[in-house]
Amino acid sequence: MRIIAAALAAFLALPGVASADSFWELKPTGTDARLRGLSAVSGQVAWVSGAKGTVLRTTNGGRSWESVAPPDTSALEFRDIEAFDARNAVALSIGEGESSRIYRTSDGGKTWQESFRNTDPKAFYDCVAFFDRFRGLALSDPVDGKFRVLRTWDGGRSWHVNDTAGMPDALPGEFAFAASGQCVTTSGNHAWIATGGGTKARVLESRDGGRSWQASEVPLPSGAAAGVFAVAFKTPWRGVAIGGDYQKPTDPTPAFATYDGHGWQAGANAPVGYRSGIAYRGNGLVAVGPSGTDVSGDGRSWQVADTGSFDTVDCAGHTCWASGEKGRVGRTAH
């Protein structure tokens, strides 16, 4: 036990790693809505979004929050938000048919433009990501046997359905989880889609800005409630995938994999339990889920950093933010 304690103390002394009782500083938001959408701009600026049409913004490190949701959207679920700075952000609501929408603001949420409303009853949009301030993707569950992707070239002001000729067939039952806004991510000109629901967990990769895709099996559990829930990439050739089964939040079955530019490998170690969000913090990683937060300095060994519930995490440099149920938001303490 002394050896384990000494090793833990040494780990916690690493830059960017804090003890379990000080990793997160909770930042009261004044809402009880579940906040699955999150975009960390800096240590001072962050946007969160979620149930009951909620969109919040802070510009002072979480000391106060402004409610800046688009008008007349209280029935929507804003499961993802991507912010470029304190003024410019894109918010995505999920759901069947016209419940899937995308809004954009360029004045800090004072006004919003509805830039996309889904009219296909077979489509269900889950998440959105940007390569830069202009080019972005929004992902729908499969339509007619293939995942549907929207693309934008003007910062989310307009969206266009991508040609599905370059998209591989979806597996029976396969879909993306709208759990943390991290079912699609980008790095450089590459993009990745996280999937589950079928007999195999997969990640689809694009190396040409989202025009064409290739699918790879990922060594994570998969099933009706299981698969890859989140992907994060430090570079186009260094990434991670995490997930599990959300109906078994404390299942010890490993659900973490790494990518080295050639393929996916099961992580030598993994956080215990289902994890819905993951982000790079410097060269380390932070993973979150309903049963807690785990941190890693190298992606090979993990330590529990907090036991509170979060759904998603995002980092700006070494400052990370997390959000989840009952309006819970935290910012890293160090």
Protein backbone atom coordinates (compact mmCIF):
# COMPACT_ATOMS: atom_id res chain seq x y z
CA MET A 1 0.00 0.00 0.00
CA ARG A 2 2.89 2.37 0.77
CA ILE A 3 4.32 1.70 -2.68
CA ILE A 4 0.95 2.45 -4.30
CA ALA A 5 0.57 5.62 -2.22
CA ALA A 6 4.05 6.76 -3.15
CA ALA A 7 3.40 6.11 -6.83
CA LEU A 8 0.12 8.04 -6.65
CA ALA A 9 1.82 10.95 -4.93
CA ALA A 10 4.49 11.02 -7.61
CA PHE A 11 1.83 10.94 -10.34
CA LEU A 12 -0.12 13.77 -8.77
CA ALA A 13 3.04 15.85 -8.74
CA LEU A 14 3.18 15.76 -12.54
CA PRO A 15 2.29 19.03 -14.32
CA GLY A 16 -1.43 19.26 -15.00
CA VAL A 17 -2.48 16.51 -12.56
CA ALA A 18 -4.33 17.37 -9.35
CA SER A 19 -5.56 15.35 -6.40
CA ALA A 20 -9.09 13.94 -6.33
CA ASP A 21 -10.40 16.67 -4.03
CA SER A 22 -8.95 19.57 -5.99
CA PHE A 23 -8.96 18.60 -9.67
CA TRP A 24 -12.21 20.39 -10.48
CA GLU A 25 -13.43 23.73 -9.18
CA LEU A 26 -17.21 23.66 -9.52
CA LYS A 27 -18.67 26.71 -11.26
CA PRO A 28 -22.41 27.07 -10.42
CA THR A 29 -24.45 27.82 -13.52
CA GLY A 30 -27.86 28.52 -12.02
CA THR A 31 -29.58 25.83 -14.10
CA ASP A 32 -30.58 22.24 -13.49
CA ALA A 33 -30.45 21.36 -17.20
CA ARG A 34 -28.15 18.55 -18.28
CA LEU A 35 -25.26 20.13 -20.17
CA ARG A 36 -23.80 17.72 -22.73
CA GLY A 37 -22.45 20.42 -25.07
CA LEU A 38 -19.22 22.22 -24.17
CA SER A 39 -16.62 24.37 -25.89
CA ALA A 40 -13.56 25.63 -24.00
CA VAL A 41 -12.13 28.77 -25.60
CA SER A 42 -9.72 29.66 -22.79
CA GLY A 43 -9.42 29.63 -19.03
CA GLN A 44 -11.86 32.55 -18.94
CA VAL A 45 -14.22 31.87 -21.85
CA ALA A 46 -16.40 28.78 -22.22
CA TRP A 47 -19.78 27.89 -23.69
CA VAL A 48 -22.08 25.07 -22.52
CA SER A 49 -25.38 23.80 -23.91
CA GLY A 50 -27.94 21.14 -23.25
CA ALA A 51 -31.50 20.29 -22.33
CA LYS A 52 -34.43 22.73 -22.18
CA GLY A 53 -32.89 24.83 -24.97
CA THR A 54 -30.05 25.87 -22.68
CA VAL A 55 -27.01 27.78 -23.94
CA LEU A 56 -24.74 29.50 -21.39
CA ARG A 57 -21.58 31.54 -21.76
CA THR A 58 -18.95 32.72 -19.31
CA THR A 59 -16.22 35.26 -19.95
CA ASN A 60 -14.82 35.42 -16.42
CA GLY A 61 -13.70 31.88 -15.70
CA GLY A 62 -17.11 30.63 -14.57
CA ARG A 63 -17.74 33.20 -11.83
CA SER A 64 -20.94 34.13 -13.65
CA TRP A 65 -22.90 32.75 -16.59
CA GLU A 66 -25.12 34.43 -19.17
CA SER A 67 -28.12 32.64 -20.62
CA VAL A 68 -27.70 33.28 -24.34
CA ALA A 69 -29.89 30.65 -26.03
CA PRO A 70 -31.63 31.31 -29.32
CA PRO A 71 -35.21 32.52 -28.77
CA ASP A 72 -38.12 30.08 -28.76
CA THR A 73 -35.94 26.98 -28.44
CA SER A 74 -36.84 25.76 -24.94
CA ALA A 75 -38.08 22.44 -26.37
CA LEU A 76 -34.75 21.69 -28.06
CA GLU A 77 -31.79 19.64 -26.83
CA PHE A 78 -28.56 21.47 -27.63
CA ARG A 79 -26.22 18.49 -27.35
CA ASP A 80 -23.21 20.17 -28.97
CA ILE A 81 -21.70 23.62 -29.25
CA GLU A 82 -18.50 24.79 -30.96
CA ALA A 83 -17.15 28.24 -30.15
CA PHE A 84 -14.40 30.13 -31.94
CA ASP A 85 -14.12 32.90 -29.33
CA ALA A 86 -16.33 34.84 -26.90
CA ARG A 87 -18.59 36.12 -29.69
CA ASN A 88 -18.76 33.43 -32.37
CA ALA A 89 -20.32 30.01 -31.75
CA VAL A 90 -22.33 27.29 -33.48
CA ALA A 91 -24.93 25.26 -31.54
CA LEU A 92 -26.52 21.99 -32.67
CA SER A 93 -29.79 20.56 -31.41
CA ILE A 94 -30.54 16.86 -31.82
CA GLY A 95 -33.63 14.86 -32.61
CA GLU A 96 -35.74 13.42 -35.36
CA GLY A 97 -36.87 15.58 -38.23
CA GLU A 98 -36.98 19.30 -37.56
CA SER A 99 -35.66 18.92 -34.00
CA SER A 100 -32.20 18.67 -35.55
CA ARG A 101 -31.11 22.26 -36.16
CA ILE A 102 -27.96 24.39 -36.25
CA TYR A 103 -27.76 27.98 -35.03
CA ARG A 104 -24.93 30.48 -35.29
CA THR A 105 -24.14 33.66 -33.35
CA SER A 106 -21.50 36.31 -33.99
CA ASP A 107 -22.37 38.64 -31.10
CA GLY A 108 -21.98 36.47 -28.02
CA GLY A 109 -25.50 35.05 -28.20
CA LYS A 110 -27.41 38.32 -28.37
CA THR A 111 -28.79 37.21 -31.74
CA TRP A 112 -28.73 33.90 -33.58
CA GLN A 113 -29.14 32.79 -37.19
CA GLU A 114 -30.82 29.45 -37.80
CA SER A 115 -28.50 28.14 -40.51
CA PHE A 116 -29.87 24.60 -40.87
CA ARG A 117 -33.14 22.79 -40.11
CA ASN A 118 -33.42 19.11 -40.94
CA THR A 119 -36.43 18.20 -43.09
CA ASP A 120 -35.61 14.52 -43.61
CA PRO A 121 -37.53 12.40 -41.07
CA LYS A 122 -34.91 9.65 -41.42
CA ALA A 123 -32.04 11.92 -40.30
CA PHE A 124 -31.00 12.52 -36.68
CA TYR A 125 -28.02 14.83 -36.14
CA ASP A 126 -25.71 14.12 -33.22
CA CYS A 127 -22.66 16.38 -33.16
CA VAL A 128 -20.63 19.03 -34.94
CA ALA A 129 -16.91 19.86 -35.29
CA PHE A 130 -14.74 22.38 -37.13
CA PHE A 131 -11.37 22.14 -38.86
CA ASP A 132 -10.90 25.90 -38.54
CA ARG A 133 -13.09 29.01 -38.31
CA PHE A 134 -14.61 28.32 -41.73
CA ARG A 135 -14.76 24.58 -42.47
CA GLY A 136 -16.87 22.24 -40.39
CA LEU A 137 -18.90 19.02 -40.30
CA ALA A 138 -22.16 17.96 -38.71
CA LEU A 139 -22.98 14.27 -38.36
CA SER A 140 -26.31 12.43 -38.65
CA ASP A 141 -27.06 8.81 -37.88
CA PRO A 142 -27.28 6.64 -41.00
CA VAL A 143 -29.84 7.52 -43.64
CA ASP A 144 -30.54 4.79 -46.21
CA GLY A 145 -27.64 2.74 -44.89
CA LYS A 146 -24.92 5.40 -44.69
CA PHE A 147 -23.93 8.05 -42.17
CA ARG A 148 -24.95 11.50 -43.41
CA VAL A 149 -22.52 14.42 -43.13
CA LEU A 150 -23.21 18.13 -43.54
CA ARG A 151 -20.33 20.41 -44.54
CA THR A 152 -19.86 24.15 -44.18
CA TRP A 153 -17.25 26.44 -45.70
CA ASP A 154 -18.41 29.72 -44.17
CA GLY A 155 -18.15 29.12 -40.44
CA GLY A 156 -21.55 27.50 -40.07
CA ARG A 157 -23.60 30.18 -41.83
CA SER A 158 -24.74 27.64 -44.42
CA TRP A 159 -24.64 23.83 -44.62
CA HIS A 160 -24.66 21.34 -47.48
CA VAL A 161 -25.36 17.59 -47.47
CA ASN A 162 -22.22 15.69 -48.42
CA ASP A 163 -22.26 13.21 -51.29
CA THR A 164 -22.46 9.73 -49.74
CA ALA A 165 -20.44 8.08 -52.53
CA GLY A 166 -17.35 8.28 -50.34
CA MET A 167 -19.06 6.93 -47.21
CA PRO A 168 -18.86 3.22 -46.35
CA ASP A 169 -22.02 1.32 -45.56
CA ALA A 170 -23.21 1.44 -41.97
CA LEU A 171 -23.43 -1.80 -40.04
CA PRO A 172 -26.88 -3.08 -39.00
CA GLY A 173 -27.94 -1.09 -35.93
CA GLU A 174 -24.94 1.25 -36.10
CA PHE A 175 -25.30 4.91 -35.07
CA ALA A 176 -23.47 7.69 -33.25
CA PHE A 177 -24.01 8.64 -29.60
CA ALA A 178 -25.18 12.21 -28.93
CA ALA A 179 -23.80 11.97 -25.40
CA SER A 180 -20.96 14.47 -25.25
CA GLY A 181 -20.65 16.34 -28.53
CA GLN A 182 -17.56 14.25 -29.29
CA CYS A 183 -18.83 11.71 -31.80
CA VAL A 184 -17.03 13.67 -34.52
CA THR A 185 -13.69 15.45 -34.19
CA THR A 186 -10.98 16.94 -36.39
CA SER A 187 -7.24 17.52 -36.55
CA GLY A 188 -5.53 19.17 -39.48
CA ASN A 189 -7.52 18.16 -42.55
CA HIS A 190 -8.52 14.84 -40.96
CA ALA A 191 -11.82 13.97 -39.31
CA TRP A 192 -13.11 10.98 -37.33
CA ILE A 193 -16.60 9.64 -36.56
CA ALA A 194 -17.22 7.48 -33.48
CA THR A 195 -19.86 4.74 -33.75
CA GLY A 196 -21.62 2.08 -31.72
CA GLY A 197 -24.92 0.27 -31.62
CA GLY A 198 -23.85 -2.55 -33.94
CA THR A 199 -21.94 -5.76 -33.45
CA LYS A 200 -18.62 -3.91 -33.81
CA ALA A 201 -17.42 -0.55 -32.54
CA ARG A 202 -15.88 1.47 -35.33
CA VAL A 203 -14.23 4.79 -36.13
CA LEU A 204 -14.62 6.27 -39.59
CA GLU A 205 -11.73 8.44 -40.77
CA SER A 206 -11.53 11.10 -43.46
CA ARG A 207 -8.20 12.45 -44.68
CA ASP A 208 -9.63 14.92 -47.18
CA GLY A 209 -11.73 17.29 -45.12
CA GLY A 210 -14.78 15.04 -44.89
CA ARG A 211 -15.32 14.19 -48.56
CA SER A 212 -14.46 10.48 -48.30
CA TRP A 213 -14.26 8.06 -45.37
CA GLN A 214 -12.76 4.71 -44.38
CA ALA A 215 -13.97 2.56 -41.50
CA SER A 216 -11.79 0.76 -38.95
CA GLU A 217 -12.86 -1.62 -36.22
CA VAL A 218 -11.95 -0.40 -32.72
CA PRO A 219 -11.35 -2.84 -29.82
CA LEU A 220 -14.15 -1.49 -27.61
CA PRO A 221 -17.38 -3.18 -26.51
CA SER A 222 -20.32 -2.59 -28.83
CA GLY A 223 -24.04 -3.22 -28.69
CA ALA A 224 -27.37 -1.47 -28.41
CA ALA A 225 -26.05 0.82 -25.65
CA ALA A 226 -22.31 0.44 -26.21
CA GLY A 227 -19.54 1.54 -28.51
CA VAL A 228 -17.22 4.47 -29.06
CA PHE A 229 -18.73 7.55 -27.43
CA ALA A 230 -15.89 10.03 -27.95
CA VAL A 231 -12.74 10.48 -30.01
CA ALA A 232 -9.94 13.02 -29.52
CA PHE A 233 -6.81 13.67 -31.54
CA LYS A 234 -3.63 15.50 -30.61
CA THR A 235 -2.39 15.29 -34.22
CA PRO A 236 -3.74 13.44 -37.28
CA TRP A 237 -1.53 10.51 -36.26
CA ARG A 238 -2.10 10.44 -32.52
CA GLY A 239 -5.55 9.91 -31.09
CA VAL A 240 -7.76 8.06 -28.63
CA ALA A 241 -11.24 6.56 -28.45
CA ILE A 242 -13.28 5.90 -25.33
CA GLY A 243 -16.74 4.62 -24.44
CA GLY A 244 -18.30 1.51 -22.99
CA ASP A 245 -21.93 0.68 -22.18
CA TYR A 246 -23.97 3.56 -20.76
CA GLN A 247 -26.42 1.11 -19.21
CA LYS A 248 -23.51 -0.37 -17.22
CA PRO A 249 -21.72 2.76 -15.96
CA THR A 250 -19.36 0.90 -13.61
CA ASP A 251 -18.64 -2.12 -15.85
CA PRO A 252 -14.87 -2.77 -15.55
CA THR A 253 -14.60 -4.01 -19.15
CA PRO A 254 -11.83 -1.89 -20.78
CA ALA A 255 -13.22 0.65 -23.23
CA PHE A 256 -10.23 2.72 -24.32
CA ALA A 257 -8.11 2.53 -27.49
CA THR A 258 -5.24 4.46 -29.04
CA TYR A 259 -4.43 5.37 -32.64
CA ASP A 260 -0.90 5.72 -34.05
CA GLY A 261 -1.58 6.65 -37.65
CA HIS A 262 -1.74 3.03 -38.80
CA GLY A 263 -4.55 1.52 -36.74
CA TRP A 264 -6.33 1.17 -33.42
CA GLN A 265 -4.97 -0.78 -30.45
CA ALA A 266 -6.58 -1.56 -27.12
CA GLY A 267 -5.09 0.62 -24.39
CA ALA A 268 -2.78 -1.24 -22.01
CA ASN A 269 -4.79 0.30 -19.18
CA ALA A 270 -8.14 2.06 -19.17
CA PRO A 271 -10.42 4.02 -16.86
CA VAL A 272 -12.85 1.76 -15.01
CA GLY A 273 -16.42 2.19 -16.17
CA TYR A 274 -18.27 3.87 -19.01
CA ARG A 275 -16.76 7.17 -20.14
CA SER A 276 -18.56 9.53 -22.51
CA GLY A 277 -15.98 12.31 -22.95
CA ILE A 278 -12.23 12.63 -23.40
CA ALA A 279 -9.81 15.45 -24.19
CA TYR A 280 -6.09 16.07 -24.45
CA ARG A 281 -4.61 18.28 -21.76
CA GLY A 282 -1.14 19.06 -23.02
CA ASN A 283 0.32 15.62 -23.67
CA GLY A 284 -1.97 14.05 -21.05
CA LEU A 285 -5.63 13.06 -21.13
CA VAL A 286 -8.78 13.73 -19.12
CA ALA A 287 -11.73 11.32 -19.37
CA VAL A 288 -15.17 11.85 -17.81
CA GLY A 289 -18.36 9.89 -17.26
CA PRO A 290 -21.23 9.53 -14.80
CA SER A 291 -19.04 7.76 -12.23
CA GLY A 292 -16.10 10.15 -12.26
CA THR A 293 -13.05 11.71 -13.87
CA ASP A 294 -9.82 9.93 -14.76
CA VAL A 295 -6.51 11.52 -15.73
CA SER A 296 -3.43 10.20 -17.49
CA GLY A 297 -0.07 11.81 -18.07
CA ASP A 298 0.84 9.48 -20.93
CA GLY A 299 -2.27 7.56 -22.02
CA ARG A 300 -0.83 4.36 -20.57
CA SER A 301 -1.59 4.70 -16.85
CA TRP A 302 -4.71 6.25 -15.31
CA GLN A 303 -5.72 7.64 -11.93
CA VAL A 304 -9.10 8.63 -10.53
CA ALA A 305 -9.21 12.42 -10.16
CA ASP A 306 -12.84 12.99 -9.13
CA THR A 307 -15.94 10.89 -8.42
CA GLY A 308 -18.58 13.40 -9.51
CA SER A 309 -20.67 12.99 -12.66
CA PHE A 310 -19.76 14.74 -15.91
CA ASP A 311 -20.78 14.02 -19.52
CA THR A 312 -18.19 15.90 -21.51
CA VAL A 313 -14.81 17.61 -21.23
CA ASP A 314 -12.84 20.10 -23.33
CA CYS A 315 -9.47 21.73 -22.80
CA ALA A 316 -7.87 24.98 -23.92
CA GLY A 317 -4.17 24.45 -23.32
CA HIS A 318 -3.83 23.09 -19.78
CA THR A 319 -7.17 24.53 -18.62
CA CYS A 320 -10.01 22.03 -18.90
CA TRP A 321 -13.74 22.42 -18.47
CA ALA A 322 -16.32 19.68 -17.87
CA SER A 323 -20.11 19.72 -17.82
CA GLY A 324 -22.97 17.34 -17.17
CA GLU A 325 -26.16 16.62 -15.28
CA LYS A 326 -28.07 19.13 -13.14
CA GLY A 327 -26.13 22.07 -14.59
CA ARG A 328 -22.82 20.81 -13.18
CA VAL A 329 -19.76 22.57 -14.61
CA GLY A 330 -16.19 22.35 -13.42
CA ARG A 331 -12.92 24.00 -14.40
CA THR A 332 -9.53 22.55 -13.55
CA ALA A 333 -8.19 23.92 -10.30
CA HIS A 334 -4.56 24.11 -11.45
